[in-house]
């Protein structure tokens, strides 16, 4: 696949030597791989277990549901993309929520909370 560069990018990288370009390429490749990596089930469970509950969720009979929502939000706040989080957190939610529809919706709300925290109110 041939890649084209904008004039702005070409102005920056055009001055770099071969070693600098190789190093820059390695950095971008590593970042792309990290961004594509999906959350493992062990990481998802750890996020769920460590999610701090608010006092309202602590008193709730559905505190496990709240923990899924909070954990999902925190993962996005830490920089993960929703696509990296949704499958694993949905599996956790299916295991702890009283109904599959609740599981899917609580992950969706956690994703929305996380996007809101990261990006503000636009497009949420």
PDB file of N, CA and C in Angstrom:
ATOM      1  N   UNK A   1       0.852  -1.178   0.000  1.00  0.00           N
ATOM      2  CA  UNK A   1       0.000   0.000   0.000  1.00  0.00           C
ATOM      3  C   UNK A   1       0.894   1.236   0.000  1.00  0.00           C
ATOM      4  N   UNK A   2       0.737   2.070  -0.943  1.00  0.00           N
ATOM      5  CA  UNK A   2       1.532   3.285  -1.036  1.00  0.00           C
ATOM      6  C   UNK A   2       0.915   4.356  -0.154  1.00  0.00           C
ATOM      7  N   UNK A   3       1.776   4.986   0.621  1.00  0.00           N
ATOM      8  CA  UNK A   3       1.303   6.047   1.508  1.00  0.00           C
ATOM      9  C   UNK A   3       1.708   7.394   0.933  1.00  0.00           C
ATOM     10  N   UNK A   4       0.803   8.344   1.037  1.00  0.00           N
ATOM     11  CA  UNK A   4       1.121   9.694   0.598  1.00  0.00           C
ATOM     12  C   UNK A   4       1.138  10.597   1.821  1.00  0.00           C
ATOM     13  N   UNK A   5       1.942  11.620   1.764  1.00  0.00           N
ATOM     14  CA  UNK A   5       2.062  12.557   2.873  1.00  0.00           C
ATOM     15  C   UNK A   5       1.531  13.912   2.460  1.00  0.00           C
ATOM     16  N   UNK A   6       0.941  14.599   3.402  1.00  0.00           N
ATOM     17  CA  UNK A   6       0.522  15.973   3.141  1.00  0.00           C
ATOM     18  C   UNK A   6       1.772  16.843   3.068  1.00  0.00           C
ATOM     19  N   UNK A   7       1.630  18.010   2.525  1.00  0.00           N
ATOM     20  CA  UNK A   7       2.762  18.933   2.395  1.00  0.00           C
ATOM     21  C   UNK A   7       3.341  19.293   3.761  1.00  0.00           C
ATOM     22  N   UNK A   8       2.477  19.446   4.768  1.00  0.00           N
ATOM     23  CA  UNK A   8       2.949  19.779   6.112  1.00  0.00           C
ATOM     24  C   UNK A   8       3.822  18.676   6.694  1.00  0.00           C
ATOM     25  N   UNK A   9       3.369  17.437   6.538  1.00  0.00           N
ATOM     26  CA  UNK A   9       4.132  16.304   7.066  1.00  0.00           C
ATOM     27  C   UNK A   9       5.424  16.138   6.278  1.00  0.00           C
ATOM     28  N   UNK A  10       5.342  16.268   4.982  1.00  0.00           N
ATOM     29  CA  UNK A  10       6.539  16.146   4.148  1.00  0.00           C
ATOM     30  C   UNK A  10       7.577  17.212   4.512  1.00  0.00           C
ATOM     31  N   UNK A  11       7.131  18.405   4.859  1.00  0.00           N
ATOM     32  CA  UNK A  11       8.056  19.463   5.256  1.00  0.00           C
ATOM     33  C   UNK A  11       8.825  19.089   6.517  1.00  0.00           C
ATOM     34  N   UNK A  12       8.192  18.330   7.389  1.00  0.00           N
ATOM     35  CA  UNK A  12       8.846  17.913   8.632  1.00  0.00           C
ATOM     36  C   UNK A  12       9.765  16.715   8.392  1.00  0.00           C
ATOM     37  N   UNK A  13       9.235  15.665   7.775  1.00  0.00           N
ATOM     38  CA  UNK A  13      10.022  14.441   7.630  1.00  0.00           C
ATOM     39  C   UNK A  13      11.013  14.499   6.477  1.00  0.00           C
ATOM     40  N   UNK A  14      10.829  15.429   5.567  1.00  0.00           N
ATOM     41  CA  UNK A  14      11.738  15.545   4.437  1.00  0.00           C
ATOM     42  C   UNK A  14      13.160  15.889   4.849  1.00  0.00           C
ATOM     43  N   UNK A  15      13.306  16.502   5.999  1.00  0.00           N
ATOM     44  CA  UNK A  15      14.628  16.891   6.488  1.00  0.00           C
ATOM     45  C   UNK A  15      15.307  15.810   7.313  1.00  0.00           C
ATOM     46  N   UNK A  16      14.596  14.729   7.634  1.00  0.00           N
ATOM     47  CA  UNK A  16      15.149  13.677   8.486  1.00  0.00           C
ATOM     48  C   UNK A  16      16.001  12.706   7.686  1.00  0.00           C
ATOM     49  N   UNK A  17      17.004  12.176   8.354  1.00  0.00           N
ATOM     50  CA  UNK A  17      17.845  11.160   7.739  1.00  0.00           C
ATOM     51  C   UNK A  17      17.201   9.789   7.834  1.00  0.00           C
ATOM     52  N   UNK A  18      17.836   8.802   7.233  1.00  0.00           N
ATOM     53  CA  UNK A  18      17.297   7.443   7.194  1.00  0.00           C
ATOM     54  C   UNK A  18      17.129   6.860   8.594  1.00  0.00           C
ATOM     55  N   UNK A  19      18.113   7.041   9.463  1.00  0.00           N
ATOM     56  CA  UNK A  19      18.020   6.498  10.825  1.00  0.00           C
ATOM     57  C   UNK A  19      16.897   7.159  11.612  1.00  0.00           C
ATOM     58  N   UNK A  20      16.765   8.465  11.444  1.00  0.00           N
ATOM     59  CA  UNK A  20      15.691   9.174  12.142  1.00  0.00           C
ATOM     60  C   UNK A  20      14.320   8.738  11.633  1.00  0.00           C
ATOM     61  N   UNK A  21      14.200   8.552  10.339  1.00  0.00           N
ATOM     62  CA  UNK A  21      12.935   8.066   9.770  1.00  0.00           C
ATOM     63  C   UNK A  21      12.619   6.659  10.264  1.00  0.00           C
ATOM     64  N   UNK A  22      13.642   5.808  10.336  1.00  0.00           N
ATOM     65  CA  UNK A  22      13.430   4.444  10.829  1.00  0.00           C
ATOM     66  C   UNK A  22      12.980   4.458  12.281  1.00  0.00           C
ATOM     67  N   UNK A  23      13.597   5.297  13.087  1.00  0.00           N
ATOM     68  CA  UNK A  23      13.223   5.394  14.491  1.00  0.00           C
ATOM     69  C   UNK A  23      11.800   5.927  14.634  1.00  0.00           C
ATOM     70  N   UNK A  24      11.476   6.944  13.868  1.00  0.00           N
ATOM     71  CA  UNK A  24      10.126   7.504  13.887  1.00  0.00           C
ATOM     72  C   UNK A  24       9.098   6.460  13.445  1.00  0.00           C
ATOM     73  N   UNK A  25       9.446   5.708  12.399  1.00  0.00           N
ATOM     74  CA  UNK A  25       8.549   4.644  11.939  1.00  0.00           C
ATOM     75  C   UNK A  25       8.332   3.583  13.000  1.00  0.00           C
ATOM     76  N   UNK A  26       9.383   3.217  13.725  1.00  0.00           N
ATOM     77  CA  UNK A  26       9.255   2.219  14.788  1.00  0.00           C
ATOM     78  C   UNK A  26       8.367   2.727  15.920  1.00  0.00           C
ATOM     79  N   UNK A  27       8.504   4.002  16.245  1.00  0.00           N
ATOM     80  CA  UNK A  27       7.669   4.593  17.294  1.00  0.00           C
ATOM     81  C   UNK A  27       6.203   4.575  16.881  1.00  0.00           C
ATOM     82  N   UNK A  28       5.926   4.981  15.638  1.00  0.00           N
ATOM     83  CA  UNK A  28       4.538   4.991  15.163  1.00  0.00           C
ATOM     84  C   UNK A  28       3.968   3.575  15.088  1.00  0.00           C
ATOM     85  N   UNK A  29       4.773   2.625  14.656  1.00  0.00           N
ATOM     86  CA  UNK A  29       4.324   1.235  14.575  1.00  0.00           C
ATOM     87  C   UNK A  29       3.980   0.701  15.966  1.00  0.00           C
ATOM     88  N   UNK A  30       4.809   0.991  16.950  1.00  0.00           N
ATOM     89  CA  UNK A  30       4.547   0.543  18.316  1.00  0.00           C
ATOM     90  C   UNK A  30       3.288   1.190  18.880  1.00  0.00           C
ATOM     91  N   UNK A  31       3.105   2.469  18.609  1.00  0.00           N
ATOM     92  CA  UNK A  31       1.895   3.153  19.094  1.00  0.00           C
ATOM     93  C   UNK A  31       0.638   2.584  18.442  1.00  0.00           C
ATOM     94  N   UNK A  32       0.723   2.309  17.153  1.00  0.00           N
ATOM     95  CA  UNK A  32      -0.437   1.741  16.457  1.00  0.00           C
ATOM     96  C   UNK A  32      -0.792   0.375  17.020  1.00  0.00           C
ATOM     97  N   UNK A  33       0.218  -0.440  17.279  1.00  0.00           N
ATOM     98  CA  UNK A  33      -0.035  -1.770  17.848  1.00  0.00           C
ATOM     99  C   UNK A  33      -0.669  -1.654  19.226  1.00  0.00           C
ATOM    100  N   UNK A  34      -0.200  -0.737  20.035  1.00  0.00           N
ATOM    101  CA  UNK A  34      -0.764  -0.537  21.369  1.00  0.00           C
ATOM    102  C   UNK A  34      -2.214  -0.067  21.278  1.00  0.00           C
ATOM    103  N   UNK A  35      -2.494   0.790  20.330  1.00  0.00           N
ATOM    104  CA  UNK A  35      -3.850   1.313  20.194  1.00  0.00           C
ATOM    105  C   UNK A  35      -4.818   0.255  19.664  1.00  0.00           C
ATOM    106  N   UNK A  36      -4.317  -0.703  18.922  1.00  0.00           N
ATOM    107  CA  UNK A  36      -5.183  -1.763  18.383  1.00  0.00           C
ATOM    108  C   UNK A  36      -5.391  -2.899  19.373  1.00  0.00           C
ATOM    109  N   UNK A  37      -4.539  -3.013  20.361  1.00  0.00           N
ATOM    110  CA  UNK A  37      -4.601  -4.125  21.302  1.00  0.00           C
ATOM    111  C   UNK A  37      -5.893  -4.047  22.107  1.00  0.00           C
ATOM    112  N   UNK A  38      -6.627  -5.134  22.116  1.00  0.00           N
ATOM    113  CA  UNK A  38      -7.863  -5.155  22.888  1.00  0.00           C
ATOM    114  C   UNK A  38      -7.571  -5.564  24.330  1.00  0.00           C
ATOM    115  N   UNK A  39      -8.408  -5.155  25.189  1.00  0.00           N
ATOM    116  CA  UNK A  39      -8.304  -5.454  26.603  1.00  0.00           C
ATOM    117  C   UNK A  39      -8.489  -6.953  26.818  1.00  0.00           C
ATOM    118  N   UNK A  40      -7.607  -7.570  27.575  1.00  0.00           N
ATOM    119  CA  UNK A  40      -7.766  -8.994  27.872  1.00  0.00           C
ATOM    120  C   UNK A  40      -8.838  -9.167  28.941  1.00  0.00           C
ATOM    121  N   UNK A  41      -9.316 -10.380  29.070  1.00  0.00           N
ATOM    122  CA  UNK A  41     -10.316 -10.646  30.103  1.00  0.00           C
ATOM    123  C   UNK A  41      -9.730 -10.423  31.493  1.00  0.00           C
ATOM    124  N   UNK A  42      -8.479 -10.803  31.689  1.00  0.00           N
ATOM    125  CA  UNK A  42      -7.842 -10.584  32.999  1.00  0.00           C
ATOM    126  C   UNK A  42      -7.780  -9.088  33.315  1.00  0.00           C
ATOM    127  N   UNK A  43      -7.445  -8.271  32.320  1.00  0.00           N
ATOM    128  CA  UNK A  43      -7.401  -6.825  32.519  1.00  0.00           C
ATOM    129  C   UNK A  43      -8.795  -6.265  32.784  1.00  0.00           C
ATOM    130  N   UNK A  44      -9.786  -6.796  32.090  1.00  0.00           N
ATOM    131  CA  UNK A  44     -11.162  -6.337  32.282  1.00  0.00           C
ATOM    132  C   UNK A  44     -11.648  -6.670  33.693  1.00  0.00           C
ATOM    133  N   UNK A  45     -11.372  -7.888  34.149  1.00  0.00           N
ATOM    134  CA  UNK A  45     -11.770  -8.259  35.509  1.00  0.00           C
ATOM    135  C   UNK A  45     -11.031  -7.423  36.546  1.00  0.00           C
ATOM    136  N   UNK A  46      -9.763  -7.167  36.310  1.00  0.00           N
ATOM    137  CA  UNK A  46      -8.996  -6.339  37.246  1.00  0.00           C
ATOM    138  C   UNK A  46      -9.570  -4.929  37.303  1.00  0.00           C
ATOM    139  N   UNK A  47      -9.943  -4.380  36.143  1.00  0.00           N
ATOM    140  CA  UNK A  47     -10.557  -3.052  36.105  1.00  0.00           C
ATOM    141  C   UNK A  47     -11.867  -3.054  36.877  1.00  0.00           C
ATOM    142  N   UNK A  48     -12.668  -4.107  36.694  1.00  0.00           N
ATOM    143  CA  UNK A  48     -13.950  -4.215  37.400  1.00  0.00           C
ATOM    144  C   UNK A  48     -13.733  -4.300  38.906  1.00  0.00           C
ATOM    145  N   UNK A  49     -12.790  -5.128  39.316  1.00  0.00           N
ATOM    146  CA  UNK A  49     -12.537  -5.322  40.748  1.00  0.00           C
ATOM    147  C   UNK A  49     -12.009  -4.058  41.418  1.00  0.00           C
ATOM    148  N   UNK A  50     -11.258  -3.258  40.675  1.00  0.00           N
ATOM    149  CA  UNK A  50     -10.639  -2.076  41.282  1.00  0.00           C
ATOM    150  C   UNK A  50     -11.440  -0.794  41.086  1.00  0.00           C
ATOM    151  N   UNK A  51     -12.562  -0.869  40.409  1.00  0.00           N
ATOM    152  CA  UNK A  51     -13.366   0.337  40.168  1.00  0.00           C
ATOM    153  C   UNK A  51     -13.957   0.838  41.488  1.00  0.00           C
ATOM    154  N   UNK A  52     -13.702   2.088  41.824  1.00  0.00           N
ATOM    155  CA  UNK A  52     -14.227   2.632  43.083  1.00  0.00           C
ATOM    156  C   UNK A  52     -15.710   2.970  42.959  1.00  0.00           C
ATOM    157  N   UNK A  53     -16.496   2.454  43.862  1.00  0.00           N
ATOM    158  CA  UNK A  53     -17.932   2.732  43.831  1.00  0.00           C
ATOM    159  C   UNK A  53     -18.245   4.038  44.540  1.00  0.00           C
ATOM    160  N   UNK A  54     -19.218   4.748  44.007  1.00  0.00           N
ATOM    161  CA  UNK A  54     -19.729   5.923  44.709  1.00  0.00           C
ATOM    162  C   UNK A  54     -20.588   5.425  45.872  1.00  0.00           C
ATOM    163  N   UNK A  55     -20.913   6.300  46.784  1.00  0.00           N
ATOM    164  CA  UNK A  55     -21.717   5.879  47.941  1.00  0.00           C
ATOM    165  C   UNK A  55     -23.086   5.367  47.501  1.00  0.00           C
ATOM    166  N   UNK A  56     -23.629   5.959  46.445  1.00  0.00           N
ATOM    167  CA  UNK A  56     -24.922   5.490  45.933  1.00  0.00           C
ATOM    168  C   UNK A  56     -24.846   4.075  45.399  1.00  0.00           C
ATOM    169  N   UNK A  57     -23.792   3.782  44.661  1.00  0.00           N
ATOM    170  CA  UNK A  57     -23.634   2.426  44.138  1.00  0.00           C
ATOM    171  C   UNK A  57     -23.302   1.431  45.254  1.00  0.00           C
ATOM    172  N   UNK A  58     -22.604   1.875  46.283  1.00  0.00           N
ATOM    173  CA  UNK A  58     -22.292   0.975  47.401  1.00  0.00           C
ATOM    174  C   UNK A  58     -23.560   0.498  48.102  1.00  0.00           C
ATOM    175  N   UNK A  59     -24.545   1.365  48.193  1.00  0.00           N
ATOM    176  CA  UNK A  59     -25.808   1.016  48.850  1.00  0.00           C
ATOM    177  C   UNK A  59     -26.762   0.261  47.940  1.00  0.00           C
ATOM    178  N   UNK A  60     -26.491   0.257  46.663  1.00  0.00           N
ATOM    179  CA  UNK A  60     -27.394  -0.346  45.691  1.00  0.00           C
ATOM    180  C   UNK A  60     -27.312  -1.873  45.704  1.00  0.00           C
ATOM    181  N   UNK A  61     -28.432  -2.507  45.429  1.00  0.00           N
ATOM    182  CA  UNK A  61     -28.443  -3.962  45.247  1.00  0.00           C
ATOM    183  C   UNK A  61     -27.762  -4.351  43.940  1.00  0.00           C
ATOM    184  N   UNK A  62     -27.563  -3.392  43.063  1.00  0.00           N
ATOM    185  CA  UNK A  62     -26.937  -3.635  41.769  1.00  0.00           C
ATOM    186  C   UNK A  62     -25.546  -3.004  41.703  1.00  0.00           C
ATOM    187  N   UNK A  63     -24.804  -3.094  42.794  1.00  0.00           N
ATOM    188  CA  UNK A  63     -23.483  -2.471  42.834  1.00  0.00           C
ATOM    189  C   UNK A  63     -22.537  -3.059  41.785  1.00  0.00           C
ATOM    190  N   UNK A  64     -22.721  -4.333  41.430  1.00  0.00           N
ATOM    191  CA  UNK A  64     -21.883  -4.930  40.385  1.00  0.00           C
ATOM    192  C   UNK A  64     -22.102  -4.245  39.040  1.00  0.00           C
ATOM    193  N   UNK A  65     -23.341  -3.838  38.784  1.00  0.00           N
ATOM    194  CA  UNK A  65     -23.659  -3.101  37.557  1.00  0.00           C
ATOM    195  C   UNK A  65     -22.935  -1.756  37.569  1.00  0.00           C
ATOM    196  N   UNK A  66     -22.991  -1.072  38.683  1.00  0.00           N
ATOM    197  CA  UNK A  66     -22.302   0.203  38.804  1.00  0.00           C
ATOM    198  C   UNK A  66     -20.805   0.063  38.633  1.00  0.00           C
ATOM    199  N   UNK A  67     -20.258  -1.025  39.134  1.00  0.00           N
ATOM    200  CA  UNK A  67     -18.820  -1.264  39.014  1.00  0.00           C
ATOM    201  C   UNK A  67     -18.420  -1.438  37.545  1.00  0.00           C
ATOM    202  N   UNK A  68     -19.267  -2.085  36.742  1.00  0.00           N
ATOM    203  CA  UNK A  68     -18.992  -2.232  35.301  1.00  0.00           C
ATOM    204  C   UNK A  68     -18.992  -0.858  34.639  1.00  0.00           C
ATOM    205  N   UNK A  69     -19.980  -0.060  34.956  1.00  0.00           N
ATOM    206  CA  UNK A  69     -20.079   1.277  34.359  1.00  0.00           C
ATOM    207  C   UNK A  69     -18.861   2.129  34.710  1.00  0.00           C
ATOM    208  N   UNK A  70     -18.487   2.121  35.973  1.00  0.00           N
ATOM    209  CA  UNK A  70     -17.362   2.935  36.427  1.00  0.00           C
ATOM    210  C   UNK A  70     -16.053   2.425  35.829  1.00  0.00           C
ATOM    211  N   UNK A  71     -15.860   1.118  35.811  1.00  0.00           N
ATOM    212  CA  UNK A  71     -14.625   0.552  35.249  1.00  0.00           C
ATOM    213  C   UNK A  71     -14.493   0.886  33.769  1.00  0.00           C
ATOM    214  N   UNK A  72     -15.589   0.781  33.044  1.00  0.00           N
ATOM    215  CA  UNK A  72     -15.566   1.103  31.618  1.00  0.00           C
ATOM    216  C   UNK A  72     -15.216   2.565  31.399  1.00  0.00           C
ATOM    217  N   UNK A  73     -15.829   3.433  32.180  1.00  0.00           N
ATOM    218  CA  UNK A  73     -15.522   4.866  32.082  1.00  0.00           C
ATOM    219  C   UNK A  73     -14.050   5.137  32.366  1.00  0.00           C
ATOM    220  N   UNK A  74     -13.523   4.538  33.414  1.00  0.00           N
ATOM    221  CA  UNK A  74     -12.128   4.785  33.792  1.00  0.00           C
ATOM    222  C   UNK A  74     -11.151   4.290  32.730  1.00  0.00           C
ATOM    223  N   UNK A  75     -11.464   3.180  32.082  1.00  0.00           N
ATOM    224  CA  UNK A  75     -10.591   2.682  31.020  1.00  0.00           C
ATOM    225  C   UNK A  75     -10.499   3.681  29.876  1.00  0.00           C
ATOM    226  N   UNK A  76     -11.620   4.286  29.521  1.00  0.00           N
ATOM    227  CA  UNK A  76     -11.589   5.300  28.461  1.00  0.00           C
ATOM    228  C   UNK A  76     -10.877   6.568  28.922  1.00  0.00           C
ATOM    229  N   UNK A  77     -11.077   6.940  30.163  1.00  0.00           N
ATOM    230  CA  UNK A  77     -10.398   8.119  30.694  1.00  0.00           C
ATOM    231  C   UNK A  77      -8.887   7.925  30.672  1.00  0.00           C
ATOM    232  N   UNK A  78      -8.438   6.693  30.800  1.00  0.00           N
ATOM    233  CA  UNK A  78      -6.997   6.400  30.784  1.00  0.00           C
ATOM    234  C   UNK A  78      -6.435   6.312  29.380  1.00  0.00           C
ATOM    235  N   UNK A  79      -7.270   6.545  28.383  1.00  0.00           N
ATOM    236  CA  UNK A  79      -6.764   6.642  27.026  1.00  0.00           C
ATOM    237  C   UNK A  79      -7.090   5.487  26.101  1.00  0.00           C
ATOM    238  N   UNK A  80      -7.767   4.458  26.579  1.00  0.00           N
ATOM    239  CA  UNK A  80      -8.132   3.363  25.689  1.00  0.00           C
ATOM    240  C   UNK A  80      -9.281   3.793  24.785  1.00  0.00           C
ATOM    241  N   UNK A  81      -9.341   3.201  23.611  1.00  0.00           N
ATOM    242  CA  UNK A  81     -10.402   3.478  22.653  1.00  0.00           C
ATOM    243  C   UNK A  81     -11.588   2.555  22.964  1.00  0.00           C
ATOM    244  N   UNK A  82     -12.812   3.000  22.730  1.00  0.00           N
ATOM    245  CA  UNK A  82     -13.966   2.143  22.995  1.00  0.00           C
ATOM    246  C   UNK A  82     -13.875   0.759  22.344  1.00  0.00           C
ATOM    247  N   UNK A  83     -13.314   0.690  21.131  1.00  0.00           N
ATOM    248  CA  UNK A  83     -13.194  -0.607  20.460  1.00  0.00           C
ATOM    249  C   UNK A  83     -12.271  -1.565  21.198  1.00  0.00           C
ATOM    250  N   UNK A  84     -11.337  -1.033  21.980  1.00  0.00           N
ATOM    251  CA  UNK A  84     -10.434  -1.876  22.739  1.00  0.00           C
ATOM    252  C   UNK A  84     -11.098  -2.430  23.994  1.00  0.00           C
ATOM    253  N   UNK A  85     -12.143  -1.809  24.435  1.00  0.00           N
ATOM    254  CA  UNK A  85     -12.744  -2.093  25.735  1.00  0.00           C
ATOM    255  C   UNK A  85     -14.054  -2.861  25.641  1.00  0.00           C
ATOM    256  N   UNK A  86     -14.826  -2.615  24.603  1.00  0.00           N
ATOM    257  CA  UNK A  86     -16.223  -3.043  24.576  1.00  0.00           C
ATOM    258  C   UNK A  86     -16.407  -4.561  24.697  1.00  0.00           C
ATOM    259  N   UNK A  87     -15.647  -5.355  24.004  1.00  0.00           N
ATOM    260  CA  UNK A  87     -15.861  -6.803  24.028  1.00  0.00           C
ATOM    261  C   UNK A  87     -15.562  -7.398  25.400  1.00  0.00           C
ATOM    262  N   UNK A  88     -14.424  -7.053  25.970  1.00  0.00           N
ATOM    263  CA  UNK A  88     -14.044  -7.626  27.265  1.00  0.00           C
ATOM    264  C   UNK A  88     -14.952  -7.148  28.386  1.00  0.00           C
ATOM    265  N   UNK A  89     -15.274  -5.868  28.388  1.00  0.00           N
ATOM    266  CA  UNK A  89     -16.141  -5.360  29.449  1.00  0.00           C
ATOM    267  C   UNK A  89     -17.565  -5.895  29.303  1.00  0.00           C
ATOM    268  N   UNK A  90     -17.989  -6.160  28.086  1.00  0.00           N
ATOM    269  CA  UNK A  90     -19.310  -6.775  27.906  1.00  0.00           C
ATOM    270  C   UNK A  90     -19.320  -8.189  28.474  1.00  0.00           C
ATOM    271  N   UNK A  91     -18.238  -8.928  28.290  1.00  0.00           N
ATOM    272  CA  UNK A  91     -18.151 -10.274  28.874  1.00  0.00           C
ATOM    273  C   UNK A  91     -18.213 -10.219  30.395  1.00  0.00           C
ATOM    274  N   UNK A  92     -17.509  -9.270  30.988  1.00  0.00           N
ATOM    275  CA  UNK A  92     -17.569  -9.104  32.442  1.00  0.00           C
ATOM    276  C   UNK A  92     -18.994  -8.758  32.853  1.00  0.00           C
ATOM    277  N   UNK A  93     -19.598  -7.827  32.134  1.00  0.00           N
ATOM    278  CA  UNK A  93     -20.960  -7.407  32.455  1.00  0.00           C
ATOM    279  C   UNK A  93     -21.946  -8.562  32.343  1.00  0.00           C
ATOM    280  N   UNK A  94     -21.787  -9.393  31.323  1.00  0.00           N
ATOM    281  CA  UNK A  94     -22.683 -10.540  31.178  1.00  0.00           C
ATOM    282  C   UNK A  94     -22.566 -11.495  32.359  1.00  0.00           C
ATOM    283  N   UNK A  95     -21.397 -11.554  32.961  1.00  0.00           N
ATOM    284  CA  UNK A  95     -21.184 -12.447  34.098  1.00  0.00           C
ATOM    285  C   UNK A  95     -21.754 -11.900  35.402  1.00  0.00           C
ATOM    286  N   UNK A  96     -21.843 -10.575  35.526  1.00  0.00           N
ATOM    287  CA  UNK A  96     -22.249 -10.006  36.815  1.00  0.00           C
ATOM    288  C   UNK A  96     -23.606  -9.316  36.802  1.00  0.00           C
ATOM    289  N   UNK A  97     -24.146  -9.023  35.641  1.00  0.00           N
ATOM    290  CA  UNK A  97     -25.418  -8.294  35.563  1.00  0.00           C
ATOM    291  C   UNK A  97     -26.600  -9.254  35.596  1.00  0.00           C
ATOM    292  N   UNK A  98     -27.749  -8.773  36.079  1.00  0.00           N
ATOM    293  CA  UNK A  98     -28.911  -9.652  36.228  1.00  0.00           C
ATOM    294  C   UNK A  98     -29.574 -10.056  34.912  1.00  0.00           C
ATOM    295  N   UNK A  99     -29.280  -9.350  33.819  1.00  0.00           N
ATOM    296  CA  UNK A  99     -29.901  -9.659  32.535  1.00  0.00           C
ATOM    297  C   UNK A  99     -28.957  -9.217  31.417  1.00  0.00           C
ATOM    298  N   UNK A 100     -28.912  -9.965  30.298  1.00  0.00           N
ATOM    299  CA  UNK A 100     -28.016  -9.592  29.196  1.00  0.00           C
ATOM    300  C   UNK A 100     -28.245  -8.185  28.650  1.00  0.00           C
ATOM    301  N   UNK A 101     -29.495  -7.739  28.608  1.00  0.00           N
ATOM    302  CA  UNK A 101     -29.756  -6.383  28.119  1.00  0.00           C
ATOM    303  C   UNK A 101     -29.169  -5.327  29.050  1.00  0.00           C
ATOM    304  N   UNK A 102     -29.214  -5.601  30.343  1.00  0.00           N
ATOM    305  CA  UNK A 102     -28.607  -4.687  31.309  1.00  0.00           C
ATOM    306  C   UNK A 102     -27.098  -4.637  31.082  1.00  0.00           C
ATOM    307  N   UNK A 103     -26.507  -5.801  30.825  1.00  0.00           N
ATOM    308  CA  UNK A 103     -25.059  -5.878  30.604  1.00  0.00           C
ATOM    309  C   UNK A 103     -24.632  -5.019  29.419  1.00  0.00           C
ATOM    310  N   UNK A 104     -25.319  -5.168  28.314  1.00  0.00           N
ATOM    311  CA  UNK A 104     -24.971  -4.411  27.113  1.00  0.00           C
ATOM    312  C   UNK A 104     -25.152  -2.916  27.346  1.00  0.00           C
ATOM    313  N   UNK A 105     -26.245  -2.554  27.980  1.00  0.00           N
ATOM    314  CA  UNK A 105     -26.536  -1.132  28.201  1.00  0.00           C
ATOM    315  C   UNK A 105     -25.585  -0.491  29.205  1.00  0.00           C
ATOM    316  N   UNK A 106     -25.192  -1.203  30.245  1.00  0.00           N
ATOM    317  CA  UNK A 106     -24.305  -0.592  31.238  1.00  0.00           C
ATOM    318  C   UNK A 106     -22.922  -0.356  30.635  1.00  0.00           C
ATOM    319  N   UNK A 107     -22.463  -1.225  29.745  1.00  0.00           N
ATOM    320  CA  UNK A 107     -21.195  -0.985  29.057  1.00  0.00           C
ATOM    321  C   UNK A 107     -21.335   0.234  28.137  1.00  0.00           C
ATOM    322  N   UNK A 108     -22.455   0.324  27.431  1.00  0.00           N
ATOM    323  CA  UNK A 108     -22.684   1.471  26.546  1.00  0.00           C
ATOM    324  C   UNK A 108     -22.689   2.781  27.330  1.00  0.00           C
ATOM    325  N   UNK A 109     -23.309   2.782  28.489  1.00  0.00           N
ATOM    326  CA  UNK A 109     -23.350   3.990  29.309  1.00  0.00           C
ATOM    327  C   UNK A 109     -21.955   4.305  29.851  1.00  0.00           C
ATOM    328  N   UNK A 110     -21.209   3.287  30.242  1.00  0.00           N
ATOM    329  CA  UNK A 110     -19.838   3.506  30.692  1.00  0.00           C
ATOM    330  C   UNK A 110     -18.965   4.088  29.593  1.00  0.00           C
ATOM    331  N   UNK A 111     -19.170   3.615  28.358  1.00  0.00           N
ATOM    332  CA  UNK A 111     -18.446   4.176  27.213  1.00  0.00           C
ATOM    333  C   UNK A 111     -18.815   5.644  27.004  1.00  0.00           C
ATOM    334  N   UNK A 112     -20.089   5.947  27.110  1.00  0.00           N
ATOM    335  CA  UNK A 112     -20.532   7.335  26.957  1.00  0.00           C
ATOM    336  C   UNK A 112     -19.963   8.211  28.070  1.00  0.00           C
ATOM    337  N   UNK A 113     -19.953   7.697  29.302  1.00  0.00           N
ATOM    338  CA  UNK A 113     -19.366   8.447  30.417  1.00  0.00           C
ATOM    339  C   UNK A 113     -17.886   8.723  30.161  1.00  0.00           C
ATOM    340  N   UNK A 114     -17.176   7.717  29.681  1.00  0.00           N
ATOM    341  CA  UNK A 114     -15.753   7.867  29.418  1.00  0.00           C
ATOM    342  C   UNK A 114     -15.467   8.851  28.305  1.00  0.00           C
ATOM    343  N   UNK A 115     -16.262   8.777  27.244  1.00  0.00           N
ATOM    344  CA  UNK A 115     -16.099   9.739  26.139  1.00  0.00           C
ATOM    345  C   UNK A 115     -16.395  11.147  26.624  1.00  0.00           C
ATOM    346  N   UNK A 116     -17.419  11.287  27.431  1.00  0.00           N
ATOM    347  CA  UNK A 116     -17.765  12.602  27.956  1.00  0.00           C
ATOM    348  C   UNK A 116     -16.619  13.160  28.799  1.00  0.00           C
ATOM    349  N   UNK A 117     -16.055  12.307  29.641  1.00  0.00           N
ATOM    350  CA  UNK A 117     -14.957  12.750  30.499  1.00  0.00           C
ATOM    351  C   UNK A 117     -13.738  13.162  29.688  1.00  0.00           C
ATOM    352  N   UNK A 118     -13.489  12.468  28.588  1.00  0.00           N
ATOM    353  CA  UNK A 118     -12.310  12.759  27.761  1.00  0.00           C
ATOM    354  C   UNK A 118     -12.542  13.900  26.791  1.00  0.00           C
ATOM    355  N   UNK A 119     -13.715  13.948  26.201  1.00  0.00           N
ATOM    356  CA  UNK A 119     -13.949  14.862  25.079  1.00  0.00           C
ATOM    357  C   UNK A 119     -14.896  16.002  25.380  1.00  0.00           C
ATOM    358  N   UNK A 120     -15.570  15.950  26.488  1.00  0.00           N
ATOM    359  CA  UNK A 120     -16.574  16.965  26.779  1.00  0.00           C
ATOM    360  C   UNK A 120     -17.920  16.541  26.240  1.00  0.00           C
ATOM    361  N   UNK A 121     -18.852  17.424  26.259  1.00  0.00           N
ATOM    362  CA  UNK A 121     -20.235  17.094  25.937  1.00  0.00           C
ATOM    363  C   UNK A 121     -20.504  16.936  24.437  1.00  0.00           C
ATOM    364  N   UNK A 122     -19.563  17.292  23.570  1.00  0.00           N
ATOM    365  CA  UNK A 122     -19.829  17.237  22.146  1.00  0.00           C
ATOM    366  C   UNK A 122     -19.975  15.804  21.646  1.00  0.00           C
ATOM    367  N   UNK A 123     -20.941  15.553  20.819  1.00  0.00           N
ATOM    368  CA  UNK A 123     -21.151  14.285  20.125  1.00  0.00           C
ATOM    369  C   UNK A 123     -21.357  13.097  21.051  1.00  0.00           C
ATOM    370  N   UNK A 124     -21.818  13.307  22.246  1.00  0.00           N
ATOM    371  CA  UNK A 124     -22.074  12.185  23.161  1.00  0.00           C
ATOM    372  C   UNK A 124     -23.563  12.045  23.344  1.00  0.00           C
TER     373      UNK A 124
END
